[in-house]
Protein backbone atom coordinates (compact mmCIF):
# COMPACT_ATOMS: atom_id res chain seq x y z
CA MET A 1 -3.31 -3.01 15.69
CA LEU A 2 -6.01 -4.45 13.44
CA ALA A 3 -7.00 -0.94 12.33
CA THR A 4 -3.42 -0.25 11.27
CA ALA A 5 -3.22 -3.72 9.69
CA GLY A 6 -6.38 -2.83 7.76
CA SER A 7 -4.59 0.25 6.47
CA ALA A 8 -1.41 -1.64 5.58
CA ILE A 9 -3.05 -4.78 4.15
CA GLY A 10 -4.69 -3.67 0.94
CA LEU A 11 -4.02 -3.41 -2.77
CA GLY A 12 -0.32 -2.93 -2.07
CA ASN A 13 -0.04 -6.58 -1.03
CA ILE A 14 -2.61 -8.28 -3.21
CA TRP A 15 -2.48 -6.25 -6.39
CA LYS A 16 0.88 -4.46 -6.49
CA LEU A 17 3.44 -6.75 -4.82
CA PRO A 18 2.85 -9.74 -7.15
CA TYR A 19 3.23 -7.68 -10.32
CA MET A 20 6.21 -5.79 -8.88
CA ILE A 21 7.90 -9.14 -8.30
CA GLY A 22 7.26 -10.05 -11.93
CA VAL A 23 8.59 -6.88 -13.53
CA ASN A 24 11.64 -6.63 -11.25
CA GLY A 25 13.35 -9.98 -11.62
CA GLY A 26 11.40 -12.32 -9.32
CA SER A 27 13.60 -13.56 -6.48
CA ALA A 28 15.95 -10.58 -6.72
CA PHE A 29 13.10 -8.22 -5.90
CA VAL A 30 11.69 -10.47 -3.16
CA MET A 31 15.06 -10.71 -1.43
CA VAL A 32 15.68 -6.95 -1.47
CA PHE A 33 12.07 -6.22 -0.51
CA VAL A 34 12.20 -8.44 2.60
CA ILE A 35 15.53 -6.87 3.62
CA CYS A 36 13.97 -3.40 3.19
CA ILE A 37 11.01 -4.41 5.35
CA PHE A 38 13.26 -5.48 8.24
CA LEU A 39 16.04 -2.88 7.99
CA VAL A 40 13.95 0.12 6.96
CA GLY A 41 10.22 -0.62 7.07
CA ILE A 42 9.87 -1.91 10.64
CA PRO A 43 12.12 0.72 12.28
CA LEU A 44 10.39 3.56 10.40
CA MET A 45 6.92 2.22 11.18
CA MET A 46 7.92 2.26 14.86
CA THR A 47 9.10 5.83 14.36
CA GLU A 48 5.87 6.98 12.71
CA ILE A 49 3.74 5.32 15.40
CA LEU A 50 5.77 6.89 18.21
CA LEU A 51 5.43 10.33 16.58
CA GLY A 52 1.68 9.88 16.37
CA ARG A 53 1.26 8.65 19.92
CA ARG A 54 3.45 11.46 21.25
CA ALA A 55 1.62 14.17 19.28
CA GLN A 56 -1.99 12.99 19.66
CA LYS A 57 -2.94 15.14 16.66
CA ASN A 58 -3.30 15.02 12.88
CA PRO A 59 0.07 14.81 11.03
CA LEU A 60 0.48 18.52 10.22
CA ASP A 61 -0.49 19.86 13.66
CA GLY A 62 1.22 16.89 15.28
CA MET A 63 4.60 17.60 13.70
CA GLN A 64 4.27 21.26 14.67
CA ALA A 65 3.52 20.30 18.30
CA LEU A 66 6.45 17.87 18.38
CA ALA A 67 8.79 20.52 16.92
CA ILE A 68 7.72 23.00 19.61
CA GLU A 69 8.24 20.38 22.31
CA ALA A 70 11.74 19.74 20.98
CA ASN A 71 12.46 23.49 20.66
CA LYS A 72 12.89 23.18 16.90
CA SER A 73 11.57 25.16 13.95
CA SER A 74 7.85 24.84 13.22
CA ILE A 75 8.81 24.26 9.58
CA TRP A 76 8.64 20.57 10.47
CA LYS A 77 4.85 20.85 10.27
CA TYR A 78 5.17 20.82 6.47
CA LEU A 79 6.45 17.25 6.73
CA GLY A 80 2.98 16.32 7.95
CA GLY A 81 1.46 18.37 5.14
CA MET A 82 3.59 16.60 2.54
CA GLY A 83 2.43 13.25 3.89
CA MET A 84 -1.22 14.25 3.61
CA LEU A 85 -0.70 15.42 0.01
CA THR A 86 1.03 12.15 -0.83
CA GLY A 87 -1.94 10.19 0.50
CA LEU A 88 -4.32 12.16 -1.71
CA LEU A 89 -2.15 11.61 -4.81
CA ILE A 90 -2.06 7.87 -4.10
CA LEU A 91 -5.84 7.79 -3.68
CA GLY A 92 -6.12 9.35 -7.15
CA PHE A 93 -4.96 6.09 -8.76
CA TYR A 94 -5.78 3.74 -5.87
CA SER A 95 -9.50 4.34 -6.37
CA VAL A 96 -9.26 3.37 -10.04
CA ILE A 97 -7.65 0.04 -9.11
CA GLY A 98 -10.27 -0.36 -6.38
CA GLY A 99 -12.83 0.05 -9.15
CA TRP A 100 -11.26 -2.86 -11.03
CA VAL A 101 -11.77 -5.01 -7.93
CA LEU A 102 -15.44 -4.00 -7.63
CA ASN A 103 -15.98 -4.85 -11.29
CA TYR A 104 -14.48 -8.31 -10.77
CA ILE A 105 -16.90 -9.05 -7.90
CA PHE A 106 -19.70 -8.82 -10.46
CA GLU A 107 -17.68 -10.67 -13.09
CA ALA A 108 -17.34 -13.58 -10.66
CA GLY A 109 -21.03 -13.37 -9.78
CA ASN A 110 -22.33 -13.53 -13.35
CA GLY A 111 -20.30 -16.64 -14.19
CA SER A 112 -17.72 -14.94 -16.42
CA PHE A 113 -14.94 -17.01 -14.86
CA THR A 114 -16.51 -20.44 -15.47
CA GLY A 115 -14.20 -22.53 -17.64
CA ILE A 116 -12.27 -19.44 -18.70
CA SER A 117 -8.99 -19.85 -20.60
CA ALA A 118 -5.84 -17.79 -20.17
CA ALA A 119 -6.48 -16.00 -23.47
CA GLN A 120 -10.09 -15.22 -22.53
CA SER A 121 -9.06 -13.90 -19.11
CA THR A 122 -6.49 -11.57 -20.67
CA ALA A 123 -9.04 -10.42 -23.27
CA ASN A 124 -11.60 -9.65 -20.52
CA PHE A 125 -9.14 -7.49 -18.63
CA ASP A 126 -8.07 -5.68 -21.79
CA ALA A 127 -11.75 -5.00 -22.54
CA LEU A 128 -12.16 -3.43 -19.08
CA LEU A 129 -9.17 -1.12 -19.59
CA SER A 130 -10.37 -0.07 -23.05
CA SER A 131 -13.78 1.01 -21.71
CA PRO A 132 -13.51 4.53 -20.24
CA LEU A 133 -17.17 4.53 -19.16
CA LYS A 134 -16.82 1.31 -17.18
CA LEU A 135 -13.58 2.48 -15.52
CA LEU A 136 -15.11 5.84 -14.63
CA PHE A 137 -18.27 4.21 -13.27
CA TRP A 138 -16.40 1.87 -10.90
CA HIS A 139 -13.91 4.59 -9.94
CA THR A 140 -16.88 6.78 -8.98
CA VAL A 141 -18.50 3.99 -6.96
CA PHE A 142 -15.27 3.34 -5.05
CA MET A 143 -14.72 7.03 -4.29
CA PHE A 144 -18.34 7.36 -3.14
CA MET A 145 -17.84 4.41 -0.77
CA THR A 146 -14.70 6.00 0.64
CA MET A 147 -16.02 9.51 1.11
CA SER A 148 -19.35 8.30 2.55
CA VAL A 149 -17.46 6.83 5.50
CA VAL A 150 -15.09 9.77 5.87
CA ALA A 151 -17.93 12.32 5.68
CA HIS A 152 -19.69 10.72 8.66
CA GLY A 153 -16.54 9.98 10.65
CA VAL A 154 -14.60 6.72 10.65
CA ASN A 155 -16.99 4.40 12.44
CA SER A 156 -15.55 2.05 15.02
CA GLY A 157 -17.61 -0.69 13.37
CA LEU A 158 -15.30 -0.50 10.37
CA GLU A 159 -12.34 -1.18 12.65
CA LYS A 160 -14.18 -4.06 14.36
CA ALA A 161 -14.94 -5.58 10.97
CA ASN A 162 -11.20 -6.06 10.50
CA ASN A 163 -11.37 -8.66 13.30
CA ILE A 164 -13.34 -10.87 10.91
CA LEU A 165 -12.37 -9.74 7.45
CA ILE A 166 -8.58 -9.73 7.68
CA PRO A 167 -8.45 -13.35 9.04
CA SER A 168 -11.08 -14.30 6.42
CA LEU A 169 -8.85 -12.92 3.69
CA PHE A 170 -6.02 -15.14 4.93
CA ALA A 171 -8.36 -18.16 5.04
CA ILE A 172 -9.57 -17.73 1.45
CA LEU A 173 -6.01 -17.07 0.36
CA LEU A 174 -4.98 -20.43 1.86
CA VAL A 175 -7.77 -22.12 -0.15
CA LEU A 176 -6.46 -20.43 -3.30
CA LEU A 177 -2.91 -21.43 -2.41
CA GLY A 178 -4.01 -25.05 -1.92
CA TYR A 179 -5.70 -25.03 -5.31
CA SER A 180 -2.59 -23.54 -6.93
CA MET A 181 -0.45 -26.28 -5.34
CA SER A 182 -2.70 -28.98 -6.78
CA VAL A 183 -3.14 -27.72 -10.35
CA GLY A 184 -0.47 -25.06 -10.81
CA ASN A 185 3.30 -25.16 -11.25
CA MET A 186 4.27 -24.45 -7.64
CA SER A 187 7.86 -25.56 -8.18
CA ALA A 188 8.41 -22.96 -10.90
CA ALA A 189 6.70 -20.30 -8.79
CA TYR A 190 8.88 -21.09 -5.79
CA GLN A 191 12.08 -20.93 -7.84
CA PHE A 192 10.98 -17.71 -9.53
CA MET A 193 10.26 -16.01 -6.21
CA PHE A 194 12.76 -17.51 -3.79
CA LYS A 195 15.73 -19.04 -5.64
CA PRO A 196 18.48 -16.40 -5.19
CA ASP A 197 19.65 -14.74 -8.38
CA PHE A 198 22.05 -12.01 -7.31
CA SER A 199 22.78 -11.07 -10.93
CA LYS A 200 19.33 -9.48 -11.22
CA ILE A 201 19.83 -7.15 -8.26
CA THR A 202 20.19 -3.72 -9.85
CA PRO A 203 19.80 -0.18 -8.52
CA VAL A 204 16.37 -0.07 -10.15
CA VAL A 205 15.34 -3.23 -8.29
CA VAL A 206 16.57 -1.77 -4.99
CA LEU A 207 14.75 1.50 -5.66
CA SER A 208 11.54 -0.34 -6.52
CA ALA A 209 11.79 -2.65 -3.49
CA LEU A 210 12.41 0.20 -1.07
CA GLY A 211 9.57 2.24 -2.55
CA HIS A 212 7.19 -0.69 -2.30
CA ALA A 213 8.18 -1.35 1.31
CA PHE A 214 6.88 2.15 2.08
CA PHE A 215 3.78 1.68 -0.08
CA SER A 216 3.00 -1.73 1.39
CA LEU A 217 3.26 -0.58 5.03
CA SER A 218 1.52 2.77 4.36
CA LEU A 219 4.61 4.65 5.57
CA GLY A 220 5.60 8.27 4.97
CA MET A 221 2.10 9.66 4.35
CA GLY A 222 0.85 10.27 7.90
CA ALA A 223 -1.71 7.41 7.95
CA VAL A 224 0.32 5.32 10.41
CA MET A 225 0.97 8.47 12.45
CA VAL A 226 -2.81 8.95 12.79
CA TYR A 227 -3.28 5.37 13.98
CA GLY A 228 -0.37 5.87 16.36
CA SER A 229 -2.25 8.76 17.97
CA TYR A 230 -4.99 6.28 18.91
CA LEU A 231 -2.59 3.67 20.33
CA GLN A 232 -2.98 3.21 24.08
CA ARG A 233 0.02 3.75 26.35
CA HIS A 234 0.24 0.17 27.58
CA VAL A 235 0.49 -1.27 24.03
CA SER A 236 4.01 -2.08 22.82
CA ILE A 237 4.91 -0.14 19.67
CA ALA A 238 7.64 -2.63 18.75
CA ARG A 239 5.42 -5.71 19.12
CA THR A 240 2.54 -4.08 17.24
CA THR A 241 4.82 -3.03 14.39
CA ILE A 242 6.42 -6.45 14.01
CA TYR A 243 3.05 -8.23 13.94
CA ILE A 244 1.68 -5.86 11.31
CA ALA A 245 4.80 -6.01 9.12
CA LEU A 246 4.98 -9.81 9.26
CA ALA A 247 1.27 -10.26 8.48
CA ASP A 248 1.48 -7.70 5.69
CA THR A 249 4.57 -9.24 4.08
CA LEU A 250 3.44 -12.86 4.52
CA LEU A 251 0.09 -12.18 2.86
CA GLY A 252 1.75 -10.53 -0.13
CA LEU A 253 4.23 -13.37 -0.63
CA LEU A 254 1.49 -16.03 -0.34
CA VAL A 255 -0.56 -14.19 -2.96
CA GLY A 256 2.54 -14.12 -5.16
CA LEU A 257 3.08 -17.88 -4.82
CA ALA A 258 -0.55 -18.65 -5.62
CA ILE A 259 -0.55 -16.35 -8.64
CA TYR A 260 2.79 -17.36 -10.15
CA SER A 261 1.95 -21.03 -9.79
CA LEU A 262 -1.02 -20.36 -12.08
CA VAL A 263 0.99 -18.03 -14.32
CA PHE A 264 3.56 -20.69 -15.16
CA ALA A 265 0.97 -23.48 -15.42
CA ASN A 266 -0.99 -21.46 -17.98
CA HIS A 267 2.07 -20.14 -19.85
CA LEU A 268 1.30 -16.51 -19.03
CA ALA A 269 3.92 -13.76 -18.85
CA PRO A 270 5.17 -13.17 -15.28
CA ASN A 271 5.89 -9.53 -16.13
CA ALA A 272 2.31 -8.72 -17.17
CA GLY A 273 2.29 -5.62 -14.97
CA PRO A 274 -0.65 -4.04 -13.11
CA GLY A 275 -3.20 -6.45 -14.60
CA LEU A 276 -1.50 -9.61 -13.32
CA ILE A 277 -3.97 -10.72 -10.63
CA PHE A 278 -6.96 -9.82 -12.80
CA GLN A 279 -5.66 -12.08 -15.55
CA THR A 280 -4.61 -15.08 -13.41
CA LEU A 281 -7.09 -15.38 -10.52
CA PRO A 282 -10.17 -15.73 -12.78
CA ILE A 283 -8.52 -18.83 -14.28
CA ALA A 284 -8.21 -20.41 -10.84
CA PHE A 285 -11.73 -19.49 -9.74
CA GLY A 286 -13.16 -20.61 -13.08
CA HIS A 287 -11.84 -24.15 -12.73
CA MET A 288 -12.17 -24.96 -9.02
CA PRO A 289 -15.30 -26.43 -7.38
CA GLY A 290 -17.40 -23.57 -6.03
CA GLY A 291 -15.05 -21.16 -7.75
CA SER A 292 -17.70 -18.54 -8.43
CA ILE A 293 -18.56 -18.25 -4.72
CA ILE A 294 -14.90 -18.23 -3.69
CA GLY A 295 -14.16 -15.64 -6.39
CA ILE A 296 -16.95 -13.37 -5.15
CA LEU A 297 -15.77 -13.66 -1.55
CA PHE A 298 -12.11 -13.14 -2.48
CA PHE A 299 -12.71 -9.97 -4.50
CA MET A 300 -15.15 -8.69 -1.86
CA LEU A 301 -12.48 -9.09 0.80
CA ILE A 302 -9.90 -7.38 -1.42
CA ALA A 303 -12.42 -4.58 -1.99
CA PHE A 304 -12.88 -4.18 1.77
CA ALA A 305 -9.11 -4.16 2.34
CA ALA A 306 -8.77 -1.52 -0.39
CA TRP A 307 -11.66 0.45 1.13
CA THR A 308 -10.14 0.62 4.61
CA SER A 309 -6.80 1.62 3.12
CA SER A 310 -8.36 4.35 0.99
CA ILE A 311 -10.06 5.83 4.05
CA SER A 312 -6.67 6.06 5.79
CA LEU A 313 -5.26 7.88 2.74
CA VAL A 314 -7.73 10.76 2.97
CA GLU A 315 -8.63 10.89 6.68
CA PRO A 316 -5.48 12.82 7.81
CA ALA A 317 -6.26 15.69 5.41
CA ILE A 318 -9.93 15.78 6.40
CA ALA A 319 -9.00 15.74 10.09
CA TRP A 320 -6.69 18.75 9.60
CA ILE A 321 -9.36 20.74 7.73
CA VAL A 322 -12.02 20.05 10.37
CA GLU A 323 -9.68 20.86 13.27
CA ASN A 324 -8.26 24.06 11.79
CA THR A 325 -11.15 25.66 9.89
CA LYS A 326 -14.86 26.23 10.38
CA VAL A 327 -15.67 23.87 7.49
CA LYS A 328 -17.91 21.00 8.56
CA ARG A 329 -16.66 17.45 8.09
CA HIS A 330 -19.15 16.39 5.44
CA ILE A 331 -18.48 19.50 3.33
CA ALA A 332 -14.70 19.05 3.64
CA ALA A 333 -14.99 15.37 2.76
CA TRP A 334 -17.13 15.76 -0.35
CA THR A 335 -15.18 18.79 -1.61
CA LEU A 336 -11.80 17.13 -1.22
CA GLY A 337 -13.25 13.85 -2.47
CA PHE A 338 -14.44 15.58 -5.65
CA ALA A 339 -10.92 16.95 -6.29
CA VAL A 340 -9.41 13.48 -5.84
CA TRP A 341 -12.16 12.00 -8.03
CA LEU A 342 -11.16 14.41 -10.83
CA LEU A 343 -7.55 13.25 -10.52
CA GLY A 344 -8.79 9.66 -10.73
CA VAL A 345 -10.68 10.49 -13.92
CA THR A 346 -7.39 11.42 -15.61
CA VAL A 347 -5.88 8.15 -14.34
CA ALA A 348 -8.77 6.09 -15.72
CA LEU A 349 -8.47 7.82 -19.11
CA SER A 350 -4.71 7.14 -19.18
CA PHE A 351 -5.53 3.47 -19.86
CA ASN A 352 -7.54 4.23 -23.01
CA GLU A 353 -8.45 7.66 -24.46
CA TRP A 354 -5.38 9.40 -23.04
CA ARG A 355 -3.00 6.48 -23.43
CA GLY A 356 -0.68 8.59 -25.55
CA VAL A 357 -0.46 11.43 -23.02
CA LYS A 358 2.97 11.31 -21.37
CA ILE A 359 3.95 13.39 -18.35
CA ILE A 360 7.64 12.73 -17.55
CA PHE A 361 10.20 10.19 -18.76
CA GLY A 362 7.67 8.70 -21.18
CA LEU A 363 5.28 7.75 -18.35
CA ASN A 364 1.52 8.15 -18.59
CA ILE A 365 -0.60 9.72 -15.84
CA PHE A 366 -1.05 6.50 -13.84
CA GLU A 367 2.63 5.58 -14.07
CA THR A 368 3.71 9.12 -13.15
CA LEU A 369 1.60 9.21 -9.98
CA ASP A 370 2.76 5.72 -9.01
CA LYS A 371 6.45 6.57 -9.46
CA LEU A 372 6.20 10.02 -7.86
CA THR A 373 4.57 8.70 -4.70
CA SER A 374 6.23 5.30 -4.31
CA THR A 375 9.81 6.18 -5.22
CA ILE A 376 10.08 9.83 -4.14
CA LEU A 377 7.46 11.19 -1.74
CA LEU A 378 6.97 8.16 0.52
CA PRO A 379 10.71 7.45 1.05
CA LEU A 380 11.36 11.20 1.48
CA GLY A 381 8.64 11.41 4.13
CA GLY A 382 10.07 8.38 5.91
CA LEU A 383 13.60 9.80 5.75
CA LEU A 384 12.55 13.11 7.31
CA MET A 385 10.54 11.36 10.05
CA ALA A 386 13.57 9.22 10.88
CA ILE A 387 15.82 12.28 11.05
CA PHE A 388 13.38 14.18 13.24
CA ALA A 389 12.84 11.33 15.71
CA GLY A 390 16.49 10.32 15.76
CA TYR A 391 18.24 13.68 15.84
CA PHE A 392 15.77 16.39 16.90
CA MET A 393 13.42 14.84 19.45
CA GLN A 394 14.66 14.53 23.00
CA LYS A 395 16.01 11.05 23.57
CA GLN A 396 14.02 10.75 26.78
CA HIS A 397 10.74 11.36 24.96
CA VAL A 398 11.57 8.72 22.34
CA GLN A 399 12.45 6.20 25.03
CA GLU A 400 9.18 6.92 26.84
CA GLU A 401 7.14 6.10 23.74
CA LEU A 402 9.08 3.05 22.58
CA ASP A 403 9.57 1.62 26.09
CA LEU A 404 12.33 -0.74 24.94
CA GLN A 405 15.10 -2.41 26.87
CA ASP A 406 18.54 -0.87 26.41
CA LYS A 407 19.82 -3.27 23.72
CA ALA A 408 16.57 -3.16 21.74
CA PHE A 409 16.50 0.64 21.93
CA LYS A 410 20.08 0.87 20.66
CA LEU A 411 19.16 -1.46 17.77
CA TRP A 412 16.18 0.69 16.81
CA ARG A 413 18.29 3.85 17.12
CA PHE A 414 21.00 2.43 14.87
CA THR A 415 18.57 1.32 12.16
CA ASN A 416 16.53 4.54 12.38
CA ASN A 417 19.45 6.98 12.67
CA VAL A 418 22.00 5.29 10.41
CA ILE A 419 20.79 2.39 8.25
CA ALA A 420 17.48 3.85 7.02
CA PRO A 421 18.80 7.36 6.20
CA ILE A 422 21.85 5.98 4.38
CA ALA A 423 19.76 3.51 2.37
CA ILE A 424 17.12 6.08 1.38
CA THR A 425 19.70 8.77 0.58
CA ALA A 426 21.72 6.36 -1.58
CA VAL A 427 18.59 5.49 -3.53
CA PHE A 428 17.79 9.17 -4.08
CA LEU A 429 21.35 9.88 -5.22
CA TYR A 430 21.03 7.11 -7.79
CA LEU A 431 17.55 8.24 -8.82
CA PHE A 432 18.82 11.73 -9.64
CA GLY A 433 21.95 10.44 -11.39
CA ILE A 434 24.43 11.67 -8.77
CA ILE A 435 25.80 8.16 -8.24
CA LYS A 436 25.74 5.34 -10.78
């Protein structure tokens, strides 16, 4: 459970959720996001875990084995392949953001945060984005960290470290939250995030919230399926899923409260975008007693959370290569890692030298990868997994894996077979202009 939590709890909660809240109407986004977690995220996470535990293989071979067991076409194996590709595309920009986090560990350590103003913090972050060499250096360091672990096999020690580091992240977050309550504008933050404003709920907000529910829980890319293959038979899939989803969502919302309290107290823009936490947290750490130490620890813990998540993004593809070819693990890891690193180079340059390069709909390389994965590939992967488990697998096999009482099983079946497919399909129809 902690291994899967380590995969789910990462930059999606600490970096992305707060800025997504800001650019999508505050409370409107939060409300839809929480609904998506409970009506779509939790049921589909249960589905992906049960598929993994039933298959006991990597996503591509696992889906093929499950299709054979259900007497269905082996074309379903490509669902696993699509998930692995999605994970690699996400890692292409995830590693660049992970590099930002590594840079800020050293920024906190050299005293850059001490007494910093809002304007200085924003200027520091802008300086980081405008430096291609610095972005490429930290992107390279983060990718090297990731592939070093993958090349030697995912060590159980990394999973055991989650026993300490994930609770530690919560503990430091509570310290930050306490500081924000004492010096920030917590009332404004609370109203911004939790005071219902139904007028701001738009199809775009729903699309963004649903996409982030998948991104936040690491759904639709095969990572959860891999962890499911390791889950012991006596462990409850439902209980494990609920614990992970609640911890994941709670952490993200607490980070949002802490950040927006400081945003409003320092008259910063709540819709600052991807740089939000890197512009607000240094202000807090720079003005609290022992802030440099807390800042170092906080960004180190975020870096570890990002690291464990990045490993889960690439491990399914490496596992498939090793199991199906004669290529040795370390060669597969460094070769694939180099390809992803090259993709990350284009992402890093999209913030400076290639800022004017647009791919589709006026989006740069970073924005294109983010939209493609979060709003199309992840929900599509989740939709197909739900359809396969709900309509193609034998009901008896699903019941064996979930081991739920009759009423609970019917509830899961209704959300998986009806609610989730309808919600995801409706979002796709809107995305492609079929419904307005």
